[in-house]
């Protein structure tokens, strides 16, 4: 299948129609990809619809974006059906309770497949924004394969990736939003580590560029990439494809997920199979 990972800039919109036009253009530009992956908090650009006062306020921006979710879903459903593809929509705030969760929705040609909420919150989300985690990893059985989602910081925690791999996930999607090169590299290293230890494919999609009207996403650093395990069936670097740092656009690659099973069965090393041996290790004093 053909995978497209977005390095996605945050834009100002004067109307929802402007947002629709941007998304339609991006999906068309993916050139027939079977799976399109958009980044964490990419939906926050909809805060612009509330004007500069709302967009410039941490709390007001959350509520402004959340009220557009029904229209966002309808748009993604139309685009997935029109292009016959799967789309991981950019994540954003959803108020299921008193405080919002950070939710990414997976769409297929036939409708919504499901959603994944971020599990572990960063310091900014906890201390400044009060966006909350919603424990519970999900596995998505699709026509493309078995997919799991680790939103940004979640990718830095091995046991989350391991739980999904044990459930049969072959493809991990890592939408991200980081405001420093160090933050981007933490997620990148986490994504590559999950590919190595679980011998699967991992797709990272970041936000990129400056946004001077919204403090929540004022700086965005990163590059889109698709990773595999460097175990003999994939590139020696583990990098299947990657873009240029901070440059907007799609990064695309053809990926055969049958090679995931082959890696796990007959790789140069077998970390997926040998993982249980590490679980019995005792602390050395």
C-alpha atoms as a PDB file:
ATOM      1  CA  UNK A   1       0.000   0.000   0.000  1.00  0.00           C
ATOM      2  CA  UNK A   2       0.986   3.621  -0.401  1.00  0.00           C
ATOM      3  CA  UNK A   3       1.354   5.636   2.811  1.00  0.00           C
ATOM      4  CA  UNK A   4       1.441   9.437   2.977  1.00  0.00           C
ATOM      5  CA  UNK A   5       2.679  11.228   6.121  1.00  0.00           C
ATOM      6  CA  UNK A   6       1.997  14.952   6.395  1.00  0.00           C
ATOM      7  CA  UNK A   7       4.388  17.640   7.579  1.00  0.00           C
ATOM      8  CA  UNK A   8       1.524  20.014   8.177  1.00  0.00           C
ATOM      9  CA  UNK A   9       1.561  23.809   8.606  1.00  0.00           C
ATOM     10  CA  UNK A  10      -0.956  25.660  10.791  1.00  0.00           C
ATOM     11  CA  UNK A  11      -2.950  28.215   8.781  1.00  0.00           C
ATOM     12  CA  UNK A  12      -5.383  31.030   9.545  1.00  0.00           C
ATOM     13  CA  UNK A  13      -8.930  30.640   8.199  1.00  0.00           C
ATOM     14  CA  UNK A  14     -11.575  33.295   7.745  1.00  0.00           C
ATOM     15  CA  UNK A  15     -14.243  30.645   7.168  1.00  0.00           C
ATOM     16  CA  UNK A  16     -14.793  26.905   7.501  1.00  0.00           C
ATOM     17  CA  UNK A  17     -14.919  26.799   3.691  1.00  0.00           C
ATOM     18  CA  UNK A  18     -11.256  27.869   3.661  1.00  0.00           C
ATOM     19  CA  UNK A  19     -10.418  24.904   5.914  1.00  0.00           C
ATOM     20  CA  UNK A  20     -12.411  22.583   3.649  1.00  0.00           C
ATOM     21  CA  UNK A  21     -10.466  23.821   0.627  1.00  0.00           C
ATOM     22  CA  UNK A  22      -7.129  23.218   2.376  1.00  0.00           C
ATOM     23  CA  UNK A  23      -8.005  19.666   3.410  1.00  0.00           C
ATOM     24  CA  UNK A  24      -9.400  18.824  -0.023  1.00  0.00           C
ATOM     25  CA  UNK A  25      -6.209  20.086  -1.630  1.00  0.00           C
ATOM     26  CA  UNK A  26      -3.980  18.134   0.742  1.00  0.00           C
ATOM     27  CA  UNK A  27      -5.889  14.888   0.201  1.00  0.00           C
ATOM     28  CA  UNK A  28      -5.796  15.348  -3.578  1.00  0.00           C
ATOM     29  CA  UNK A  29      -2.058  16.073  -3.424  1.00  0.00           C
ATOM     30  CA  UNK A  30      -1.441  12.715  -1.715  1.00  0.00           C
ATOM     31  CA  UNK A  31      -1.600  11.222  -5.215  1.00  0.00           C
ATOM     32  CA  UNK A  32      -3.790   8.227  -4.548  1.00  0.00           C
ATOM     33  CA  UNK A  33      -2.259   7.136  -1.250  1.00  0.00           C
ATOM     34  CA  UNK A  34      -4.133   4.356   0.541  1.00  0.00           C
ATOM     35  CA  UNK A  35      -3.439   5.817   3.993  1.00  0.00           C
ATOM     36  CA  UNK A  36      -2.997   9.510   4.826  1.00  0.00           C
ATOM     37  CA  UNK A  37      -1.698  10.522   8.269  1.00  0.00           C
ATOM     38  CA  UNK A  38      -2.201  14.037   9.661  1.00  0.00           C
ATOM     39  CA  UNK A  39      -0.531  15.349  12.858  1.00  0.00           C
ATOM     40  CA  UNK A  40      -1.363  15.852  16.489  1.00  0.00           C
ATOM     41  CA  UNK A  41      -3.239  19.084  17.209  1.00  0.00           C
ATOM     42  CA  UNK A  42      -3.422  19.971  13.527  1.00  0.00           C
ATOM     43  CA  UNK A  43      -7.117  20.656  14.117  1.00  0.00           C
ATOM     44  CA  UNK A  44      -6.170  23.557  16.389  1.00  0.00           C
ATOM     45  CA  UNK A  45      -5.918  25.805  13.329  1.00  0.00           C
ATOM     46  CA  UNK A  46      -9.718  25.938  13.504  1.00  0.00           C
ATOM     47  CA  UNK A  47      -9.308  28.204  16.530  1.00  0.00           C
ATOM     48  CA  UNK A  48      -8.835  30.972  13.962  1.00  0.00           C
ATOM     49  CA  UNK A  49     -12.564  30.791  13.224  1.00  0.00           C
ATOM     50  CA  UNK A  50     -13.219  32.352  16.628  1.00  0.00           C
ATOM     51  CA  UNK A  51     -11.078  35.395  15.861  1.00  0.00           C
ATOM     52  CA  UNK A  52      -7.764  36.484  17.313  1.00  0.00           C
ATOM     53  CA  UNK A  53      -8.996  36.808  20.884  1.00  0.00           C
ATOM     54  CA  UNK A  54     -10.229  33.207  20.991  1.00  0.00           C
ATOM     55  CA  UNK A  55      -7.251  31.834  19.092  1.00  0.00           C
ATOM     56  CA  UNK A  56      -4.837  33.671  21.386  1.00  0.00           C
ATOM     57  CA  UNK A  57      -6.354  32.286  24.593  1.00  0.00           C
ATOM     58  CA  UNK A  58      -5.402  28.759  25.698  1.00  0.00           C
ATOM     59  CA  UNK A  59      -8.817  27.898  27.110  1.00  0.00           C
ATOM     60  CA  UNK A  60     -10.963  29.648  24.514  1.00  0.00           C
ATOM     61  CA  UNK A  61      -9.052  28.021  21.652  1.00  0.00           C
ATOM     62  CA  UNK A  62      -9.923  24.552  22.961  1.00  0.00           C
ATOM     63  CA  UNK A  63     -13.637  25.326  23.063  1.00  0.00           C
ATOM     64  CA  UNK A  64     -13.607  26.995  19.646  1.00  0.00           C
ATOM     65  CA  UNK A  65     -12.020  23.956  17.977  1.00  0.00           C
ATOM     66  CA  UNK A  66     -14.216  21.460  19.831  1.00  0.00           C
ATOM     67  CA  UNK A  67     -17.436  23.017  18.559  1.00  0.00           C
ATOM     68  CA  UNK A  68     -16.447  22.291  14.942  1.00  0.00           C
ATOM     69  CA  UNK A  69     -15.892  18.535  15.381  1.00  0.00           C
ATOM     70  CA  UNK A  70     -19.145  17.452  13.700  1.00  0.00           C
ATOM     71  CA  UNK A  71     -18.286  19.436  10.564  1.00  0.00           C
ATOM     72  CA  UNK A  72     -14.689  18.178  10.654  1.00  0.00           C
ATOM     73  CA  UNK A  73     -15.869  14.578  10.736  1.00  0.00           C
ATOM     74  CA  UNK A  74     -18.328  15.107   7.903  1.00  0.00           C
ATOM     75  CA  UNK A  75     -15.579  16.637   5.763  1.00  0.00           C
ATOM     76  CA  UNK A  76     -13.147  13.781   6.388  1.00  0.00           C
ATOM     77  CA  UNK A  77     -15.848  11.208   5.666  1.00  0.00           C
ATOM     78  CA  UNK A  78     -16.548  12.837   2.303  1.00  0.00           C
ATOM     79  CA  UNK A  79     -12.867  12.996   1.389  1.00  0.00           C
ATOM     80  CA  UNK A  80     -12.171   9.389   2.411  1.00  0.00           C
ATOM     81  CA  UNK A  81     -15.159   8.178   0.375  1.00  0.00           C
ATOM     82  CA  UNK A  82     -14.342  10.344  -2.644  1.00  0.00           C
ATOM     83  CA  UNK A  83     -10.709   9.228  -2.810  1.00  0.00           C
ATOM     84  CA  UNK A  84     -11.247   5.655  -1.602  1.00  0.00           C
ATOM     85  CA  UNK A  85      -8.622   6.033   1.127  1.00  0.00           C
ATOM     86  CA  UNK A  86      -8.056   5.802   4.864  1.00  0.00           C
ATOM     87  CA  UNK A  87      -7.319   9.051   6.713  1.00  0.00           C
ATOM     88  CA  UNK A  88      -6.035   9.598  10.226  1.00  0.00           C
ATOM     89  CA  UNK A  89      -7.408  13.070  10.815  1.00  0.00           C
ATOM     90  CA  UNK A  90      -5.396  15.673  12.699  1.00  0.00           C
ATOM     91  CA  UNK A  91      -6.128  15.351  16.402  1.00  0.00           C
ATOM     92  CA  UNK A  92      -7.831  17.971  18.516  1.00  0.00           C
ATOM     93  CA  UNK A  93      -9.756  18.583  21.734  1.00  0.00           C
ATOM     94  CA  UNK A  94     -13.002  16.759  22.476  1.00  0.00           C
ATOM     95  CA  UNK A  95     -14.971  17.509  25.645  1.00  0.00           C
ATOM     96  CA  UNK A  96     -16.230  14.099  26.737  1.00  0.00           C
ATOM     97  CA  UNK A  97     -16.139  15.257  30.335  1.00  0.00           C
ATOM     98  CA  UNK A  98     -15.249  18.357  32.326  1.00  0.00           C
ATOM     99  CA  UNK A  99     -11.893  18.678  30.575  1.00  0.00           C
ATOM    100  CA  UNK A 100     -10.986  17.845  26.969  1.00  0.00           C
ATOM    101  CA  UNK A 101      -9.122  14.822  25.673  1.00  0.00           C
ATOM    102  CA  UNK A 102      -6.789  14.902  22.686  1.00  0.00           C
ATOM    103  CA  UNK A 103      -8.508  12.688  20.068  1.00  0.00           C
ATOM    104  CA  UNK A 104      -7.489  11.395  16.644  1.00  0.00           C
ATOM    105  CA  UNK A 105     -10.138   9.798  14.414  1.00  0.00           C
ATOM    106  CA  UNK A 106      -9.433   7.129  11.794  1.00  0.00           C
ATOM    107  CA  UNK A 107     -11.687   7.325   8.728  1.00  0.00           C
ATOM    108  CA  UNK A 108     -12.128   4.735   6.001  1.00  0.00           C
ATOM    109  CA  UNK A 109     -13.894   4.823   2.637  1.00  0.00           C
ATOM    110  CA  UNK A 110     -16.984   3.372   4.307  1.00  0.00           C
ATOM    111  CA  UNK A 111     -17.099   5.576   7.395  1.00  0.00           C
ATOM    112  CA  UNK A 112     -15.480   6.187  10.759  1.00  0.00           C
ATOM    113  CA  UNK A 113     -13.371   3.215  11.848  1.00  0.00           C
ATOM    114  CA  UNK A 114     -12.756   4.513  15.358  1.00  0.00           C
ATOM    115  CA  UNK A 115     -10.786   6.955  17.457  1.00  0.00           C
ATOM    116  CA  UNK A 116      -7.769   6.982  19.744  1.00  0.00           C
ATOM    117  CA  UNK A 117      -7.299   9.375  22.650  1.00  0.00           C
ATOM    118  CA  UNK A 118      -3.864  10.362  23.886  1.00  0.00           C
ATOM    119  CA  UNK A 119      -2.820   8.330  26.905  1.00  0.00           C
ATOM    120  CA  UNK A 120      -0.043  10.248  28.642  1.00  0.00           C
ATOM    121  CA  UNK A 121       0.003  14.023  28.760  1.00  0.00           C
ATOM    122  CA  UNK A 122       3.039  16.281  28.497  1.00  0.00           C
ATOM    123  CA  UNK A 123       3.848  18.925  31.112  1.00  0.00           C
ATOM    124  CA  UNK A 124       2.305  21.649  28.946  1.00  0.00           C
ATOM    125  CA  UNK A 125      -0.929  19.671  28.560  1.00  0.00           C
ATOM    126  CA  UNK A 126      -1.066  18.916  32.298  1.00  0.00           C
ATOM    127  CA  UNK A 127       0.160  22.162  33.832  1.00  0.00           C
ATOM    128  CA  UNK A 128      -0.851  24.892  31.400  1.00  0.00           C
ATOM    129  CA  UNK A 129      -3.610  23.598  29.136  1.00  0.00           C
ATOM    130  CA  UNK A 130      -5.419  21.078  31.385  1.00  0.00           C
ATOM    131  CA  UNK A 131      -5.965  18.620  28.549  1.00  0.00           C
ATOM    132  CA  UNK A 132      -6.454  15.186  30.100  1.00  0.00           C
ATOM    133  CA  UNK A 133      -5.506  11.644  29.174  1.00  0.00           C
ATOM    134  CA  UNK A 134      -8.114   8.999  28.405  1.00  0.00           C
ATOM    135  CA  UNK A 135      -6.605   5.571  29.158  1.00  0.00           C
ATOM    136  CA  UNK A 136      -7.410   2.803  26.707  1.00  0.00           C
ATOM    137  CA  UNK A 137      -5.479   1.734  23.633  1.00  0.00           C
ATOM    138  CA  UNK A 138      -7.435   0.585  20.600  1.00  0.00           C
ATOM    139  CA  UNK A 139      -6.651  -1.745  17.715  1.00  0.00           C
ATOM    140  CA  UNK A 140      -8.166  -0.970  14.318  1.00  0.00           C
ATOM    141  CA  UNK A 141      -8.739  -3.849  11.920  1.00  0.00           C
ATOM    142  CA  UNK A 142      -8.823  -2.324   8.448  1.00  0.00           C
ATOM    143  CA  UNK A 143      -8.609  -3.443   4.842  1.00  0.00           C
ATOM    144  CA  UNK A 144      -5.009  -2.199   4.925  1.00  0.00           C
ATOM    145  CA  UNK A 145      -3.947  -4.156   7.998  1.00  0.00           C
ATOM    146  CA  UNK A 146      -4.101  -3.970  11.767  1.00  0.00           C
ATOM    147  CA  UNK A 147      -3.365  -0.398  12.885  1.00  0.00           C
ATOM    148  CA  UNK A 148      -2.562   1.216  16.238  1.00  0.00           C
ATOM    149  CA  UNK A 149      -2.117   4.884  17.158  1.00  0.00           C
ATOM    150  CA  UNK A 150       0.334   6.405  19.640  1.00  0.00           C
ATOM    151  CA  UNK A 151      -0.189  10.161  19.804  1.00  0.00           C
ATOM    152  CA  UNK A 152       3.103  12.063  20.108  1.00  0.00           C
ATOM    153  CA  UNK A 153       4.361  11.623  23.728  1.00  0.00           C
ATOM    154  CA  UNK A 154       2.722   8.186  23.888  1.00  0.00           C
ATOM    155  CA  UNK A 155       5.307   6.925  21.401  1.00  0.00           C
ATOM    156  CA  UNK A 156       8.043   7.488  23.989  1.00  0.00           C
ATOM    157  CA  UNK A 157       6.658   4.773  26.290  1.00  0.00           C
ATOM    158  CA  UNK A 158       7.682   1.251  25.214  1.00  0.00           C
ATOM    159  CA  UNK A 159       4.922  -0.609  27.042  1.00  0.00           C
ATOM    160  CA  UNK A 160       2.209   1.205  25.090  1.00  0.00           C
ATOM    161  CA  UNK A 161       3.745   0.151  21.789  1.00  0.00           C
ATOM    162  CA  UNK A 162       4.334  -3.343  23.103  1.00  0.00           C
ATOM    163  CA  UNK A 163       0.677  -3.729  24.107  1.00  0.00           C
ATOM    164  CA  UNK A 164      -0.410  -2.833  20.582  1.00  0.00           C
ATOM    165  CA  UNK A 165       2.175  -5.123  18.981  1.00  0.00           C
ATOM    166  CA  UNK A 166       1.059  -8.019  21.163  1.00  0.00           C
ATOM    167  CA  UNK A 167      -2.491  -7.358  19.953  1.00  0.00           C
ATOM    168  CA  UNK A 168      -1.289  -7.938  16.399  1.00  0.00           C
ATOM    169  CA  UNK A 169      -0.695  -4.372  15.245  1.00  0.00           C
ATOM    170  CA  UNK A 170       1.504  -4.192  12.137  1.00  0.00           C
ATOM    171  CA  UNK A 171       1.379  -0.438  11.564  1.00  0.00           C
ATOM    172  CA  UNK A 172       1.722   2.266  14.225  1.00  0.00           C
ATOM    173  CA  UNK A 173       0.665   5.832  13.468  1.00  0.00           C
ATOM    174  CA  UNK A 174       2.382   8.598  15.434  1.00  0.00           C
ATOM    175  CA  UNK A 175       0.837  12.032  14.873  1.00  0.00           C
ATOM    176  CA  UNK A 176       3.014  14.616  16.640  1.00  0.00           C
ATOM    177  CA  UNK A 177       3.256  18.285  17.595  1.00  0.00           C
ATOM    178  CA  UNK A 178       6.556  19.521  19.022  1.00  0.00           C
ATOM    179  CA  UNK A 179       7.844  23.061  19.442  1.00  0.00           C
ATOM    180  CA  UNK A 180      11.587  22.315  19.633  1.00  0.00           C
ATOM    181  CA  UNK A 181      14.048  20.167  17.739  1.00  0.00           C
ATOM    182  CA  UNK A 182      14.699  18.275  20.967  1.00  0.00           C
ATOM    183  CA  UNK A 183      10.986  17.529  21.321  1.00  0.00           C
ATOM    184  CA  UNK A 184      10.783  16.359  17.735  1.00  0.00           C
ATOM    185  CA  UNK A 185      13.777  14.090  18.232  1.00  0.00           C
ATOM    186  CA  UNK A 186      12.299  12.564  21.364  1.00  0.00           C
ATOM    187  CA  UNK A 187       9.238  11.513  19.392  1.00  0.00           C
ATOM    188  CA  UNK A 188      11.320  10.463  16.376  1.00  0.00           C
ATOM    189  CA  UNK A 189      13.592   8.299  18.525  1.00  0.00           C
ATOM    190  CA  UNK A 190      10.556   6.831  20.269  1.00  0.00           C
ATOM    191  CA  UNK A 191       8.906   6.043  16.942  1.00  0.00           C
ATOM    192  CA  UNK A 192      12.061   4.399  15.596  1.00  0.00           C
ATOM    193  CA  UNK A 193      12.475   2.409  18.799  1.00  0.00           C
ATOM    194  CA  UNK A 194       8.912   1.126  18.575  1.00  0.00           C
ATOM    195  CA  UNK A 195       9.612   0.017  14.978  1.00  0.00           C
ATOM    196  CA  UNK A 196      12.797  -1.752  16.080  1.00  0.00           C
ATOM    197  CA  UNK A 197      11.513  -3.568  19.149  1.00  0.00           C
ATOM    198  CA  UNK A 198       8.121  -4.560  17.720  1.00  0.00           C
ATOM    199  CA  UNK A 199       9.425  -5.122  14.169  1.00  0.00           C
ATOM    200  CA  UNK A 200       6.649  -3.111  12.584  1.00  0.00           C
ATOM    201  CA  UNK A 201       6.135   0.002  10.453  1.00  0.00           C
ATOM    202  CA  UNK A 202       5.740   3.371  12.187  1.00  0.00           C
ATOM    203  CA  UNK A 203       4.501   6.572  10.526  1.00  0.00           C
ATOM    204  CA  UNK A 204       5.260   9.985  12.073  1.00  0.00           C
ATOM    205  CA  UNK A 205       3.341  13.088  10.985  1.00  0.00           C
ATOM    206  CA  UNK A 206       4.304  16.428  12.633  1.00  0.00           C
ATOM    207  CA  UNK A 207       3.038  19.994  12.602  1.00  0.00           C
ATOM    208  CA  UNK A 208       5.607  22.387  11.106  1.00  0.00           C
ATOM    209  CA  UNK A 209       6.193  26.133  10.913  1.00  0.00           C
ATOM    210  CA  UNK A 210       5.488  29.201  13.008  1.00  0.00           C
ATOM    211  CA  UNK A 211       2.047  30.361  14.140  1.00  0.00           C
ATOM    212  CA  UNK A 212       2.179  33.823  15.721  1.00  0.00           C
ATOM    213  CA  UNK A 213      -1.539  34.022  16.539  1.00  0.00           C
ATOM    214  CA  UNK A 214      -1.965  30.926  18.757  1.00  0.00           C
ATOM    215  CA  UNK A 215       0.287  30.410  21.798  1.00  0.00           C
ATOM    216  CA  UNK A 216      -0.600  26.731  22.046  1.00  0.00           C
ATOM    217  CA  UNK A 217       1.088  26.015  18.687  1.00  0.00           C
ATOM    218  CA  UNK A 218       3.342  29.028  18.234  1.00  0.00           C
ATOM    219  CA  UNK A 219       6.402  27.021  17.118  1.00  0.00           C
ATOM    220  CA  UNK A 220       6.288  23.686  15.275  1.00  0.00           C
ATOM    221  CA  UNK A 221       9.410  21.685  14.434  1.00  0.00           C
ATOM    222  CA  UNK A 222       9.759  18.339  12.716  1.00  0.00           C
ATOM    223  CA  UNK A 223       9.756  16.286   9.549  1.00  0.00           C
ATOM    224  CA  UNK A 224       7.447  13.530   8.384  1.00  0.00           C
ATOM    225  CA  UNK A 225       8.846  10.020   8.104  1.00  0.00           C
ATOM    226  CA  UNK A 226       8.029   6.343   7.711  1.00  0.00           C
ATOM    227  CA  UNK A 227      10.155   3.890   9.712  1.00  0.00           C
ATOM    228  CA  UNK A 228      10.750   0.152   9.733  1.00  0.00           C
ATOM    229  CA  UNK A 229      12.947  -2.202  11.749  1.00  0.00           C
ATOM    230  CA  UNK A 230      16.564  -2.324  10.477  1.00  0.00           C
ATOM    231  CA  UNK A 231      16.584  -6.109  10.539  1.00  0.00           C
ATOM    232  CA  UNK A 232      17.364  -7.150   6.978  1.00  0.00           C
ATOM    233  CA  UNK A 233      13.924  -6.805   5.378  1.00  0.00           C
ATOM    234  CA  UNK A 234      13.903  -3.003   5.546  1.00  0.00           C
ATOM    235  CA  UNK A 235      16.443  -0.201   4.939  1.00  0.00           C
ATOM    236  CA  UNK A 236      19.625  -0.500   7.004  1.00  0.00           C
ATOM    237  CA  UNK A 237      18.905   2.878   8.637  1.00  0.00           C
ATOM    238  CA  UNK A 238      15.351   1.926   9.540  1.00  0.00           C
ATOM    239  CA  UNK A 239      14.194   4.946   7.522  1.00  0.00           C
ATOM    240  CA  UNK A 240      11.848   3.959   4.696  1.00  0.00           C
ATOM    241  CA  UNK A 241      11.199   7.595   3.746  1.00  0.00           C
ATOM    242  CA  UNK A 242      11.622  10.997   5.385  1.00  0.00           C
ATOM    243  CA  UNK A 243      11.146  14.627   4.495  1.00  0.00           C
ATOM    244  CA  UNK A 244      13.185  17.788   4.954  1.00  0.00           C
ATOM    245  CA  UNK A 245      13.186  19.346   8.422  1.00  0.00           C
ATOM    246  CA  UNK A 246      10.374  21.895   8.860  1.00  0.00           C
ATOM    247  CA  UNK A 247       9.314  21.706   5.207  1.00  0.00           C
ATOM    248  CA  UNK A 248       5.551  21.300   4.663  1.00  0.00           C
ATOM    249  CA  UNK A 249       4.290  18.561   2.387  1.00  0.00           C
ATOM    250  CA  UNK A 250       3.736  14.846   2.046  1.00  0.00           C
ATOM    251  CA  UNK A 251       6.306  12.108   2.559  1.00  0.00           C
ATOM    252  CA  UNK A 252       5.189   8.951   0.735  1.00  0.00           C
ATOM    253  CA  UNK A 253       6.316   5.354   0.436  1.00  0.00           C
ATOM    254  CA  UNK A 254       5.061   2.006  -0.793  1.00  0.00           C
ATOM    255  CA  UNK A 255       4.974  -0.471   2.094  1.00  0.00           C
ATOM    256  CA  UNK A 256       4.253  -4.209   2.060  1.00  0.00           C
ATOM    257  CA  UNK A 257       2.966  -5.142   5.515  1.00  0.00           C
ATOM    258  CA  UNK A 258       3.485  -8.842   4.814  1.00  0.00           C
ATOM    259  CA  UNK A 259       7.143  -8.081   5.494  1.00  0.00           C
ATOM    260  CA  UNK A 260       6.247  -7.284   9.112  1.00  0.00           C
ATOM    261  CA  UNK A 261       5.339 -10.929   9.683  1.00  0.00           C
ATOM    262  CA  UNK A 262       8.497 -11.977   7.863  1.00  0.00           C
ATOM    263  CA  UNK A 263      10.614  -9.687  10.057  1.00  0.00           C
ATOM    264  CA  UNK A 264       9.057 -11.089  13.213  1.00  0.00           C
ATOM    265  CA  UNK A 265       9.575 -14.640  11.971  1.00  0.00           C
ATOM    266  CA  UNK A 266      12.992 -14.440  10.344  1.00  0.00           C
ATOM    267  CA  UNK A 267      14.717 -11.093  11.006  1.00  0.00           C
ATOM    268  CA  UNK A 268      18.444 -10.810  11.626  1.00  0.00           C
ATOM    269  CA  UNK A 269      17.403 -10.375  15.262  1.00  0.00           C
ATOM    270  CA  UNK A 270      14.018 -11.134  16.809  1.00  0.00           C
ATOM    271  CA  UNK A 271      13.235  -8.501  19.472  1.00  0.00           C
ATOM    272  CA  UNK A 272       9.484  -8.985  19.064  1.00  0.00           C
ATOM    273  CA  UNK A 273       9.787 -12.689  19.900  1.00  0.00           C
ATOM    274  CA  UNK A 274      12.495 -12.234  22.529  1.00  0.00           C
ATOM    275  CA  UNK A 275      10.774  -9.411  24.437  1.00  0.00           C
ATOM    276  CA  UNK A 276       9.431 -11.750  27.196  1.00  0.00           C
ATOM    277  CA  UNK A 277      13.010 -12.552  28.188  1.00  0.00           C
ATOM    278  CA  UNK A 278      13.500  -8.900  29.188  1.00  0.00           C
ATOM    279  CA  UNK A 279      10.390  -8.925  31.359  1.00  0.00           C
ATOM    280  CA  UNK A 280      11.942 -11.411  33.761  1.00  0.00           C
ATOM    281  CA  UNK A 281      15.113  -9.385  34.309  1.00  0.00           C
ATOM    282  CA  UNK A 282      15.929  -8.632  37.946  1.00  0.00           C
ATOM    283  CA  UNK A 283      17.338  -5.395  39.294  1.00  0.00           C
ATOM    284  CA  UNK A 284      21.105  -5.510  39.754  1.00  0.00           C
ATOM    285  CA  UNK A 285      22.242  -3.925  43.006  1.00  0.00           C
END
